[in-house]
Amino acid sequence: KGETAIPTGKYTVIVTMSPKFKKELPLILNVPNFSGVRFHGGNNENDSEGCPLLGMVRHMDAISNCAPAVALVTKMIKEAKEAQLTIV
């Protein structure tokens, strides 16, 4: 926990309410040996316990402008589900 990467592969991603963040966030399903893996905002590895972080600007050791990135990715996943699209 907090030190591993998600194994390479294809995963189903859905948008559900995050109990931790108290808002809808993308949830990655069926990650081996893990549950509750979500895309969320954060500026560096200290802001995550292994979840992928989203941001609009990449810096040397960090990312920023997280809220717009999270909103955009969440919207895209919801729209793809409504249109019954598969994103690979």
PDB file of N, CA and C in Angstrom:
ATOM      1  N   LYS A   1       0.837  -1.183   0.000  1.00  0.00           N
ATOM      2  CA  LYS A   1       0.000   0.000   0.000  1.00  0.00           C
ATOM      3  C   LYS A   1       0.880   1.243   0.000  1.00  0.00           C
ATOM      4  N   GLY A   2       0.588   2.151  -0.918  1.00  0.00           N
ATOM      5  CA  GLY A   2       1.313   3.406  -0.986  1.00  0.00           C
ATOM      6  C   GLY A   2       2.658   3.353  -1.676  1.00  0.00           C
ATOM      7  N   GLU A   3       3.105   2.169  -2.056  1.00  0.00           N
ATOM      8  CA  GLU A   3       4.423   2.061  -2.673  1.00  0.00           C
ATOM      9  C   GLU A   3       4.415   1.244  -3.952  1.00  0.00           C
ATOM     10  N   THR A   4       3.248   0.832  -4.408  1.00  0.00           N
ATOM     11  CA  THR A   4       3.194  -0.018  -5.582  1.00  0.00           C
ATOM     12  C   THR A   4       2.487   0.680  -6.726  1.00  0.00           C
ATOM     13  N   ALA A   5       2.655   0.129  -7.906  1.00  0.00           N
ATOM     14  CA  ALA A   5       1.976   0.642  -9.086  1.00  0.00           C
ATOM     15  C   ALA A   5       0.875  -0.322  -9.492  1.00  0.00           C
ATOM     16  N   ILE A   6      -0.124   0.208 -10.156  1.00  0.00           N
ATOM     17  CA  ILE A   6      -1.186  -0.634 -10.689  1.00  0.00           C
ATOM     18  C   ILE A   6      -0.573  -1.490 -11.797  1.00  0.00           C
ATOM     19  N   PRO A   7      -0.772  -2.794 -11.769  1.00  0.00           N
ATOM     20  CA  PRO A   7      -0.210  -3.640 -12.813  1.00  0.00           C
ATOM     21  C   PRO A   7      -0.726  -3.249 -14.201  1.00  0.00           C
ATOM     22  N   THR A   8       0.119  -3.417 -15.189  1.00  0.00           N
ATOM     23  CA  THR A   8      -0.265  -3.155 -16.569  1.00  0.00           C
ATOM     24  C   THR A   8      -1.468  -4.007 -16.927  1.00  0.00           C
ATOM     25  N   GLY A   9      -2.399  -3.431 -17.645  1.00  0.00           N
ATOM     26  CA  GLY A   9      -3.576  -4.181 -18.064  1.00  0.00           C
ATOM     27  C   GLY A   9      -4.701  -3.257 -18.446  1.00  0.00           C
ATOM     28  N   LYS A  10      -5.844  -3.846 -18.745  1.00  0.00           N
ATOM     29  CA  LYS A  10      -7.055  -3.093 -19.070  1.00  0.00           C
ATOM     30  C   LYS A  10      -7.999  -3.207 -17.885  1.00  0.00           C
ATOM     31  N   TYR A  11      -8.549  -2.080 -17.486  1.00  0.00           N
ATOM     32  CA  TYR A  11      -9.424  -2.030 -16.323  1.00  0.00           C
ATOM     33  C   TYR A  11     -10.724  -1.313 -16.672  1.00  0.00           C
ATOM     34  N   THR A  12     -11.775  -1.714 -16.017  1.00  0.00           N
ATOM     35  CA  THR A  12     -13.039  -1.006 -16.116  1.00  0.00           C
ATOM     36  C   THR A  12     -12.999   0.142 -15.122  1.00  0.00           C
ATOM     37  N   VAL A  13     -13.441   1.319 -15.573  1.00  0.00           N
ATOM     38  CA  VAL A  13     -13.483   2.492 -14.713  1.00  0.00           C
ATOM     39  C   VAL A  13     -14.918   3.002 -14.685  1.00  0.00           C
ATOM     40  N   ILE A  14     -15.429   3.227 -13.487  1.00  0.00           N
ATOM     41  CA  ILE A  14     -16.772   3.774 -13.326  1.00  0.00           C
ATOM     42  C   ILE A  14     -16.669   5.013 -12.441  1.00  0.00           C
ATOM     43  N   VAL A  15     -17.715   5.804 -12.427  1.00  0.00           N
ATOM     44  CA  VAL A  15     -17.758   6.982 -11.566  1.00  0.00           C
ATOM     45  C   VAL A  15     -18.743   6.701 -10.436  1.00  0.00           C
ATOM     46  N   THR A  16     -18.251   6.771  -9.204  1.00  0.00           N
ATOM     47  CA  THR A  16     -19.091   6.570  -8.025  1.00  0.00           C
ATOM     48  C   THR A  16     -18.706   7.593  -6.961  1.00  0.00           C
ATOM     49  N   MET A  17     -19.544   7.678  -5.948  1.00  0.00           N
ATOM     50  CA  MET A  17     -19.267   8.581  -4.829  1.00  0.00           C
ATOM     51  C   MET A  17     -18.106   8.024  -4.008  1.00  0.00           C
ATOM     52  N   SER A  18     -17.120   8.849  -3.769  1.00  0.00           N
ATOM     53  CA  SER A  18     -15.974   8.465  -2.953  1.00  0.00           C
ATOM     54  C   SER A  18     -16.280   8.782  -1.490  1.00  0.00           C
ATOM     55  N   PRO A  19     -16.269   7.759  -0.633  1.00  0.00           N
ATOM     56  CA  PRO A  19     -16.485   8.025   0.789  1.00  0.00           C
ATOM     57  C   PRO A  19     -15.379   8.910   1.387  1.00  0.00           C
ATOM     58  N   LYS A  20     -14.174   8.764   0.891  1.00  0.00           N
ATOM     59  CA  LYS A  20     -13.039   9.525   1.418  1.00  0.00           C
ATOM     60  C   LYS A  20     -13.083  10.991   0.983  1.00  0.00           C
ATOM     61  N   PHE A  21     -13.351  11.219  -0.325  1.00  0.00           N
ATOM     62  CA  PHE A  21     -13.309  12.577  -0.859  1.00  0.00           C
ATOM     63  C   PHE A  21     -14.679  13.262  -0.873  1.00  0.00           C
ATOM     64  N   LYS A  22     -15.731  12.509  -0.587  1.00  0.00           N
ATOM     65  CA  LYS A  22     -17.103  13.045  -0.502  1.00  0.00           C
ATOM     66  C   LYS A  22     -17.578  13.693  -1.803  1.00  0.00           C
ATOM     67  N   LYS A  23     -17.172  13.110  -2.935  1.00  0.00           N
ATOM     68  CA  LYS A  23     -17.642  13.559  -4.242  1.00  0.00           C
ATOM     69  C   LYS A  23     -17.483  12.427  -5.232  1.00  0.00           C
ATOM     70  N   GLU A  24     -18.121  12.564  -6.386  1.00  0.00           N
ATOM     71  CA  GLU A  24     -17.999  11.542  -7.426  1.00  0.00           C
ATOM     72  C   GLU A  24     -16.599  11.588  -8.025  1.00  0.00           C
ATOM     73  N   LEU A  25     -15.991  10.408  -8.098  1.00  0.00           N
ATOM     74  CA  LEU A  25     -14.664  10.263  -8.697  1.00  0.00           C
ATOM     75  C   LEU A  25     -14.603   8.952  -9.462  1.00  0.00           C
ATOM     76  N   PRO A  26     -13.736   8.883 -10.481  1.00  0.00           N
ATOM     77  CA  PRO A  26     -13.542   7.623 -11.204  1.00  0.00           C
ATOM     78  C   PRO A  26     -12.927   6.551 -10.311  1.00  0.00           C
ATOM     79  N   LEU A  27     -13.520   5.365 -10.339  1.00  0.00           N
ATOM     80  CA  LEU A  27     -13.076   4.212  -9.566  1.00  0.00           C
ATOM     81  C   LEU A  27     -12.575   3.148 -10.529  1.00  0.00           C
ATOM     82  N   ILE A  28     -11.373   2.651 -10.309  1.00  0.00           N
ATOM     83  CA  ILE A  28     -10.792   1.610 -11.157  1.00  0.00           C
ATOM     84  C   ILE A  28     -11.143   0.262 -10.537  1.00  0.00           C
ATOM     85  N   LEU A  29     -11.837  -0.567 -11.298  1.00  0.00           N
ATOM     86  CA  LEU A  29     -12.312  -1.852 -10.786  1.00  0.00           C
ATOM     87  C   LEU A  29     -11.308  -2.972 -11.021  1.00  0.00           C
ATOM     88  N   ASN A  30     -11.351  -3.934 -10.125  1.00  0.00           N
ATOM     89  CA  ASN A  30     -10.599  -5.191 -10.255  1.00  0.00           C
ATOM     90  C   ASN A  30      -9.086  -5.017 -10.353  1.00  0.00           C
ATOM     91  N   VAL A  31      -8.542  -4.081  -9.589  1.00  0.00           N
ATOM     92  CA  VAL A  31      -7.090  -3.952  -9.504  1.00  0.00           C
ATOM     93  C   VAL A  31      -6.607  -5.067  -8.577  1.00  0.00           C
ATOM     94  N   PRO A  32      -5.728  -5.941  -9.062  1.00  0.00           N
ATOM     95  CA  PRO A  32      -5.280  -7.066  -8.232  1.00  0.00           C
ATOM     96  C   PRO A  32      -4.744  -6.619  -6.872  1.00  0.00           C
ATOM     97  N   ASN A  33      -5.262  -7.229  -5.823  1.00  0.00           N
ATOM     98  CA  ASN A  33      -4.830  -7.011  -4.440  1.00  0.00           C
ATOM     99  C   ASN A  33      -5.179  -5.644  -3.860  1.00  0.00           C
ATOM    100  N   PHE A  34      -6.020  -4.862  -4.546  1.00  0.00           N
ATOM    101  CA  PHE A  34      -6.382  -3.539  -4.057  1.00  0.00           C
ATOM    102  C   PHE A  34      -7.854  -3.266  -4.293  1.00  0.00           C
ATOM    103  N   SER A  35      -8.418  -2.396  -3.475  1.00  0.00           N
ATOM    104  CA  SER A  35      -9.772  -1.899  -3.702  1.00  0.00           C
ATOM    105  C   SER A  35      -9.762  -0.400  -3.424  1.00  0.00           C
ATOM    106  N   GLY A  36     -10.746   0.294  -3.969  1.00  0.00           N
ATOM    107  CA  GLY A  36     -10.837   1.727  -3.739  1.00  0.00           C
ATOM    108  C   GLY A  36      -9.817   2.547  -4.483  1.00  0.00           C
ATOM    109  N   VAL A  37      -9.300   2.027  -5.592  1.00  0.00           N
ATOM    110  CA  VAL A  37      -8.309   2.772  -6.378  1.00  0.00           C
ATOM    111  C   VAL A  37      -9.059   3.760  -7.269  1.00  0.00           C
ATOM    112  N   ARG A  38      -8.791   5.047  -7.058  1.00  0.00           N
ATOM    113  CA  ARG A  38      -9.498   6.107  -7.781  1.00  0.00           C
ATOM    114  C   ARG A  38      -8.525   7.091  -8.423  1.00  0.00           C
ATOM    115  N   PHE A  39      -8.980   7.683  -9.520  1.00  0.00           N
ATOM    116  CA  PHE A  39      -8.303   8.853 -10.059  1.00  0.00           C
ATOM    117  C   PHE A  39      -8.742  10.031  -9.186  1.00  0.00           C
ATOM    118  N   HIS A  40      -7.796  10.839  -8.738  1.00  0.00           N
ATOM    119  CA  HIS A  40      -8.150  12.027  -7.970  1.00  0.00           C
ATOM    120  C   HIS A  40      -7.045  13.061  -8.098  1.00  0.00           C
ATOM    121  N   GLY A  41      -7.293  14.235  -7.554  1.00  0.00           N
ATOM    122  CA  GLY A  41      -6.312  15.304  -7.604  1.00  0.00           C
ATOM    123  C   GLY A  41      -5.268  15.152  -6.520  1.00  0.00           C
ATOM    124  N   GLY A  42      -4.164  15.807  -6.720  1.00  0.00           N
ATOM    125  CA  GLY A  42      -3.061  15.816  -5.764  1.00  0.00           C
ATOM    126  C   GLY A  42      -1.834  16.348  -6.465  1.00  0.00           C
ATOM    127  N   ASN A  43      -0.929  16.921  -5.723  1.00  0.00           N
ATOM    128  CA  ASN A  43       0.225  17.558  -6.342  1.00  0.00           C
ATOM    129  C   ASN A  43       1.460  16.684  -6.467  1.00  0.00           C
ATOM    130  N   ASN A  44       1.583  15.661  -5.599  1.00  0.00           N
ATOM    131  CA  ASN A  44       2.747  14.778  -5.698  1.00  0.00           C
ATOM    132  C   ASN A  44       2.433  13.454  -4.998  1.00  0.00           C
ATOM    133  N   GLU A  45       3.425  12.581  -4.913  1.00  0.00           N
ATOM    134  CA  GLU A  45       3.194  11.241  -4.366  1.00  0.00           C
ATOM    135  C   GLU A  45       2.738  11.270  -2.910  1.00  0.00           C
ATOM    136  N   ASN A  46       2.976  12.355  -2.206  1.00  0.00           N
ATOM    137  CA  ASN A  46       2.521  12.461  -0.818  1.00  0.00           C
ATOM    138  C   ASN A  46       0.999  12.621  -0.726  1.00  0.00           C
ATOM    139  N   ASP A  47       0.367  12.949  -1.847  1.00  0.00           N
ATOM    140  CA  ASP A  47      -1.083  13.152  -1.882  1.00  0.00           C
ATOM    141  C   ASP A  47      -1.835  11.902  -2.309  1.00  0.00           C
ATOM    142  N   SER A  48      -1.158  10.768  -2.375  1.00  0.00           N
ATOM    143  CA  SER A  48      -1.793   9.539  -2.832  1.00  0.00           C
ATOM    144  C   SER A  48      -1.221   8.344  -2.085  1.00  0.00           C
ATOM    145  N   GLU A  49      -2.047   7.337  -1.907  1.00  0.00           N
ATOM    146  CA  GLU A  49      -1.578   6.068  -1.343  1.00  0.00           C
ATOM    147  C   GLU A  49      -1.430   5.036  -2.452  1.00  0.00           C
ATOM    148  N   GLY A  50      -1.206   5.501  -3.671  1.00  0.00           N
ATOM    149  CA  GLY A  50      -1.025   4.614  -4.813  1.00  0.00           C
ATOM    150  C   GLY A  50      -2.004   4.862  -5.939  1.00  0.00           C
ATOM    151  N   CYS A  51      -2.997   5.722  -5.714  1.00  0.00           N
ATOM    152  CA  CYS A  51      -3.965   6.049  -6.770  1.00  0.00           C
ATOM    153  C   CYS A  51      -3.317   6.966  -7.801  1.00  0.00           C
ATOM    154  N   PRO A  52      -3.773   6.887  -9.056  1.00  0.00           N
ATOM    155  CA  PRO A  52      -3.278   7.824 -10.068  1.00  0.00           C
ATOM    156  C   PRO A  52      -3.778   9.238  -9.766  1.00  0.00           C
ATOM    157  N   LEU A  53      -2.893  10.203  -9.859  1.00  0.00           N
ATOM    158  CA  LEU A  53      -3.259  11.603  -9.650  1.00  0.00           C
ATOM    159  C   LEU A  53      -3.467  12.287 -10.993  1.00  0.00           C
ATOM    160  N   LEU A  54      -4.411  13.219 -11.028  1.00  0.00           N
ATOM    161  CA  LEU A  54      -4.723  13.962 -12.245  1.00  0.00           C
ATOM    162  C   LEU A  54      -4.361  15.423 -12.066  1.00  0.00           C
ATOM    163  N   GLY A  55      -3.811  16.022 -13.108  1.00  0.00           N
ATOM    164  CA  GLY A  55      -3.490  17.444 -13.108  1.00  0.00           C
ATOM    165  C   GLY A  55      -3.379  17.942 -14.530  1.00  0.00           C
ATOM    166  N   MET A  56      -3.482  19.236 -14.713  1.00  0.00           N
ATOM    167  CA  MET A  56      -3.410  19.841 -16.044  1.00  0.00           C
ATOM    168  C   MET A  56      -1.994  20.306 -16.386  1.00  0.00           C
ATOM    169  N   VAL A  57      -1.156  20.536 -15.369  1.00  0.00           N
ATOM    170  CA  VAL A  57       0.194  21.046 -15.586  1.00  0.00           C
ATOM    171  C   VAL A  57       1.186  20.104 -14.915  1.00  0.00           C
ATOM    172  N   ARG A  58       2.192  19.720 -15.670  1.00  0.00           N
ATOM    173  CA  ARG A  58       3.227  18.824 -15.144  1.00  0.00           C
ATOM    174  C   ARG A  58       4.466  19.639 -14.820  1.00  0.00           C
ATOM    175  N   HIS A  59       4.976  19.449 -13.615  1.00  0.00           N
ATOM    176  CA  HIS A  59       6.206  20.082 -13.169  1.00  0.00           C
ATOM    177  C   HIS A  59       7.251  18.980 -13.004  1.00  0.00           C
ATOM    178  N   MET A  60       8.448  19.346 -12.608  1.00  0.00           N
ATOM    179  CA  MET A  60       9.522  18.373 -12.470  1.00  0.00           C
ATOM    180  C   MET A  60       9.128  17.228 -11.531  1.00  0.00           C
ATOM    181  N   ASP A  61       8.654  17.546 -10.337  1.00  0.00           N
ATOM    182  CA  ASP A  61       8.311  16.518  -9.353  1.00  0.00           C
ATOM    183  C   ASP A  61       6.879  16.642  -8.857  1.00  0.00           C
ATOM    184  N   ALA A  62       6.026  17.289  -9.641  1.00  0.00           N
ATOM    185  CA  ALA A  62       4.664  17.518  -9.165  1.00  0.00           C
ATOM    186  C   ALA A  62       3.734  17.797 -10.345  1.00  0.00           C
ATOM    187  N   ILE A  63       2.447  17.889 -10.026  1.00  0.00           N
ATOM    188  CA  ILE A  63       1.441  18.332 -10.987  1.00  0.00           C
ATOM    189  C   ILE A  63       0.601  19.405 -10.304  1.00  0.00           C
ATOM    190  N   SER A  64      -0.104  20.192 -11.120  1.00  0.00           N
ATOM    191  CA  SER A  64      -0.977  21.219 -10.553  1.00  0.00           C
ATOM    192  C   SER A  64      -2.216  21.361 -11.422  1.00  0.00           C
ATOM    193  N   ASN A  65      -3.099  22.261 -11.015  1.00  0.00           N
ATOM    194  CA  ASN A  65      -4.399  22.454 -11.673  1.00  0.00           C
ATOM    195  C   ASN A  65      -5.165  21.140 -11.709  1.00  0.00           C
ATOM    196  N   CYS A  66      -5.291  20.544 -10.550  1.00  0.00           N
ATOM    197  CA  CYS A  66      -5.897  19.222 -10.431  1.00  0.00           C
ATOM    198  C   CYS A  66      -7.415  19.234 -10.607  1.00  0.00           C
ATOM    199  N   ALA A  67      -8.093  20.197 -10.016  1.00  0.00           N
ATOM    200  CA  ALA A  67      -9.565  20.202 -10.051  1.00  0.00           C
ATOM    201  C   ALA A  67     -10.117  20.178 -11.473  1.00  0.00           C
ATOM    202  N   PRO A  68      -9.597  21.001 -12.409  1.00  0.00           N
ATOM    203  CA  PRO A  68     -10.126  20.926 -13.774  1.00  0.00           C
ATOM    204  C   PRO A  68      -9.859  19.578 -14.441  1.00  0.00           C
ATOM    205  N   ALA A  69      -8.716  18.969 -14.134  1.00  0.00           N
ATOM    206  CA  ALA A  69      -8.389  17.663 -14.713  1.00  0.00           C
ATOM    207  C   ALA A  69      -9.338  16.588 -14.200  1.00  0.00           C
ATOM    208  N   VAL A  70      -9.601  16.598 -12.894  1.00  0.00           N
ATOM    209  CA  VAL A  70     -10.514  15.619 -12.301  1.00  0.00           C
ATOM    210  C   VAL A  70     -11.916  15.799 -12.884  1.00  0.00           C
ATOM    211  N   ALA A  71     -12.371  17.040 -12.993  1.00  0.00           N
ATOM    212  CA  ALA A  71     -13.702  17.311 -13.548  1.00  0.00           C
ATOM    213  C   ALA A  71     -13.794  16.834 -14.996  1.00  0.00           C
ATOM    214  N   LEU A  72     -12.775  17.090 -15.790  1.00  0.00           N
ATOM    215  CA  LEU A  72     -12.780  16.693 -17.196  1.00  0.00           C
ATOM    216  C   LEU A  72     -12.795  15.175 -17.358  1.00  0.00           C
ATOM    217  N   VAL A  73     -11.922  14.482 -16.656  1.00  0.00           N
ATOM    218  CA  VAL A  73     -11.856  13.027 -16.773  1.00  0.00           C
ATOM    219  C   VAL A  73     -13.149  12.388 -16.267  1.00  0.00           C
ATOM    220  N   THR A  74     -13.674  12.883 -15.170  1.00  0.00           N
ATOM    221  CA  THR A  74     -14.932  12.359 -14.631  1.00  0.00           C
ATOM    222  C   THR A  74     -16.059  12.543 -15.648  1.00  0.00           C
ATOM    223  N   LYS A  75     -16.135  13.718 -16.240  1.00  0.00           N
ATOM    224  CA  LYS A  75     -17.161  14.005 -17.256  1.00  0.00           C
ATOM    225  C   LYS A  75     -17.008  13.077 -18.461  1.00  0.00           C
ATOM    226  N   MET A  76     -15.785  12.880 -18.920  1.00  0.00           N
ATOM    227  CA  MET A  76     -15.550  12.016 -20.082  1.00  0.00           C
ATOM    228  C   MET A  76     -15.987  10.578 -19.803  1.00  0.00           C
ATOM    229  N   ILE A  77     -15.693  10.077 -18.621  1.00  0.00           N
ATOM    230  CA  ILE A  77     -16.074   8.701 -18.271  1.00  0.00           C
ATOM    231  C   ILE A  77     -17.593   8.580 -18.195  1.00  0.00           C
ATOM    232  N   LYS A  78     -18.252   9.555 -17.588  1.00  0.00           N
ATOM    233  CA  LYS A  78     -19.717   9.523 -17.493  1.00  0.00           C
ATOM    234  C   LYS A  78     -20.359   9.570 -18.882  1.00  0.00           C
ATOM    235  N   GLU A  79     -19.848  10.444 -19.749  1.00  0.00           N
ATOM    236  CA  GLU A  79     -20.392  10.551 -21.103  1.00  0.00           C
ATOM    237  C   GLU A  79     -20.156   9.279 -21.908  1.00  0.00           C
ATOM    238  N   ALA A  80     -19.003   8.659 -21.741  1.00  0.00           N
ATOM    239  CA  ALA A  80     -18.716   7.409 -22.450  1.00  0.00           C
ATOM    240  C   ALA A  80     -19.672   6.316 -21.995  1.00  0.00           C
ATOM    241  N   LYS A  81     -19.938   6.255 -20.699  1.00  0.00           N
ATOM    242  CA  LYS A  81     -20.869   5.255 -20.179  1.00  0.00           C
ATOM    243  C   LYS A  81     -22.270   5.492 -20.734  1.00  0.00           C
ATOM    244  N   GLU A  82     -22.720   6.749 -20.736  1.00  0.00           N
ATOM    245  CA  GLU A  82     -24.042   7.076 -21.272  1.00  0.00           C
ATOM    246  C   GLU A  82     -24.162   6.712 -22.748  1.00  0.00           C
ATOM    247  N   ALA A  83     -23.069   6.889 -23.499  1.00  0.00           N
ATOM    248  CA  ALA A  83     -23.075   6.554 -24.927  1.00  0.00           C
ATOM    249  C   ALA A  83     -22.731   5.087 -25.164  1.00  0.00           C
ATOM    250  N   GLN A  84     -22.501   4.347 -24.091  1.00  0.00           N
ATOM    251  CA  GLN A  84     -22.140   2.938 -24.143  1.00  0.00           C
ATOM    252  C   GLN A  84     -20.864   2.709 -24.964  1.00  0.00           C
ATOM    253  N   LEU A  85     -19.899   3.584 -24.753  1.00  0.00           N
ATOM    254  CA  LEU A  85     -18.609   3.469 -25.428  1.00  0.00           C
ATOM    255  C   LEU A  85     -17.612   2.747 -24.548  1.00  0.00           C
ATOM    256  N   THR A  86     -16.657   2.102 -25.161  1.00  0.00           N
ATOM    257  CA  THR A  86     -15.556   1.479 -24.444  1.00  0.00           C
ATOM    258  C   THR A  86     -14.307   2.271 -24.759  1.00  0.00           C
ATOM    259  N   ILE A  87     -13.637   2.753 -23.717  1.00  0.00           N
ATOM    260  CA  ILE A  87     -12.391   3.515 -23.896  1.00  0.00           C
ATOM    261  C   ILE A  87     -11.247   2.587 -23.532  1.00  0.00           C
ATOM    262  N   VAL A  88     -10.301   2.472 -24.422  1.00  0.00           N
ATOM    263  CA  VAL A  88      -9.146   1.601 -24.176  1.00  0.00           C
ATOM    264  C   VAL A  88      -7.907   2.453 -24.055  1.00  0.00           C
TER     265      VAL A  88
END
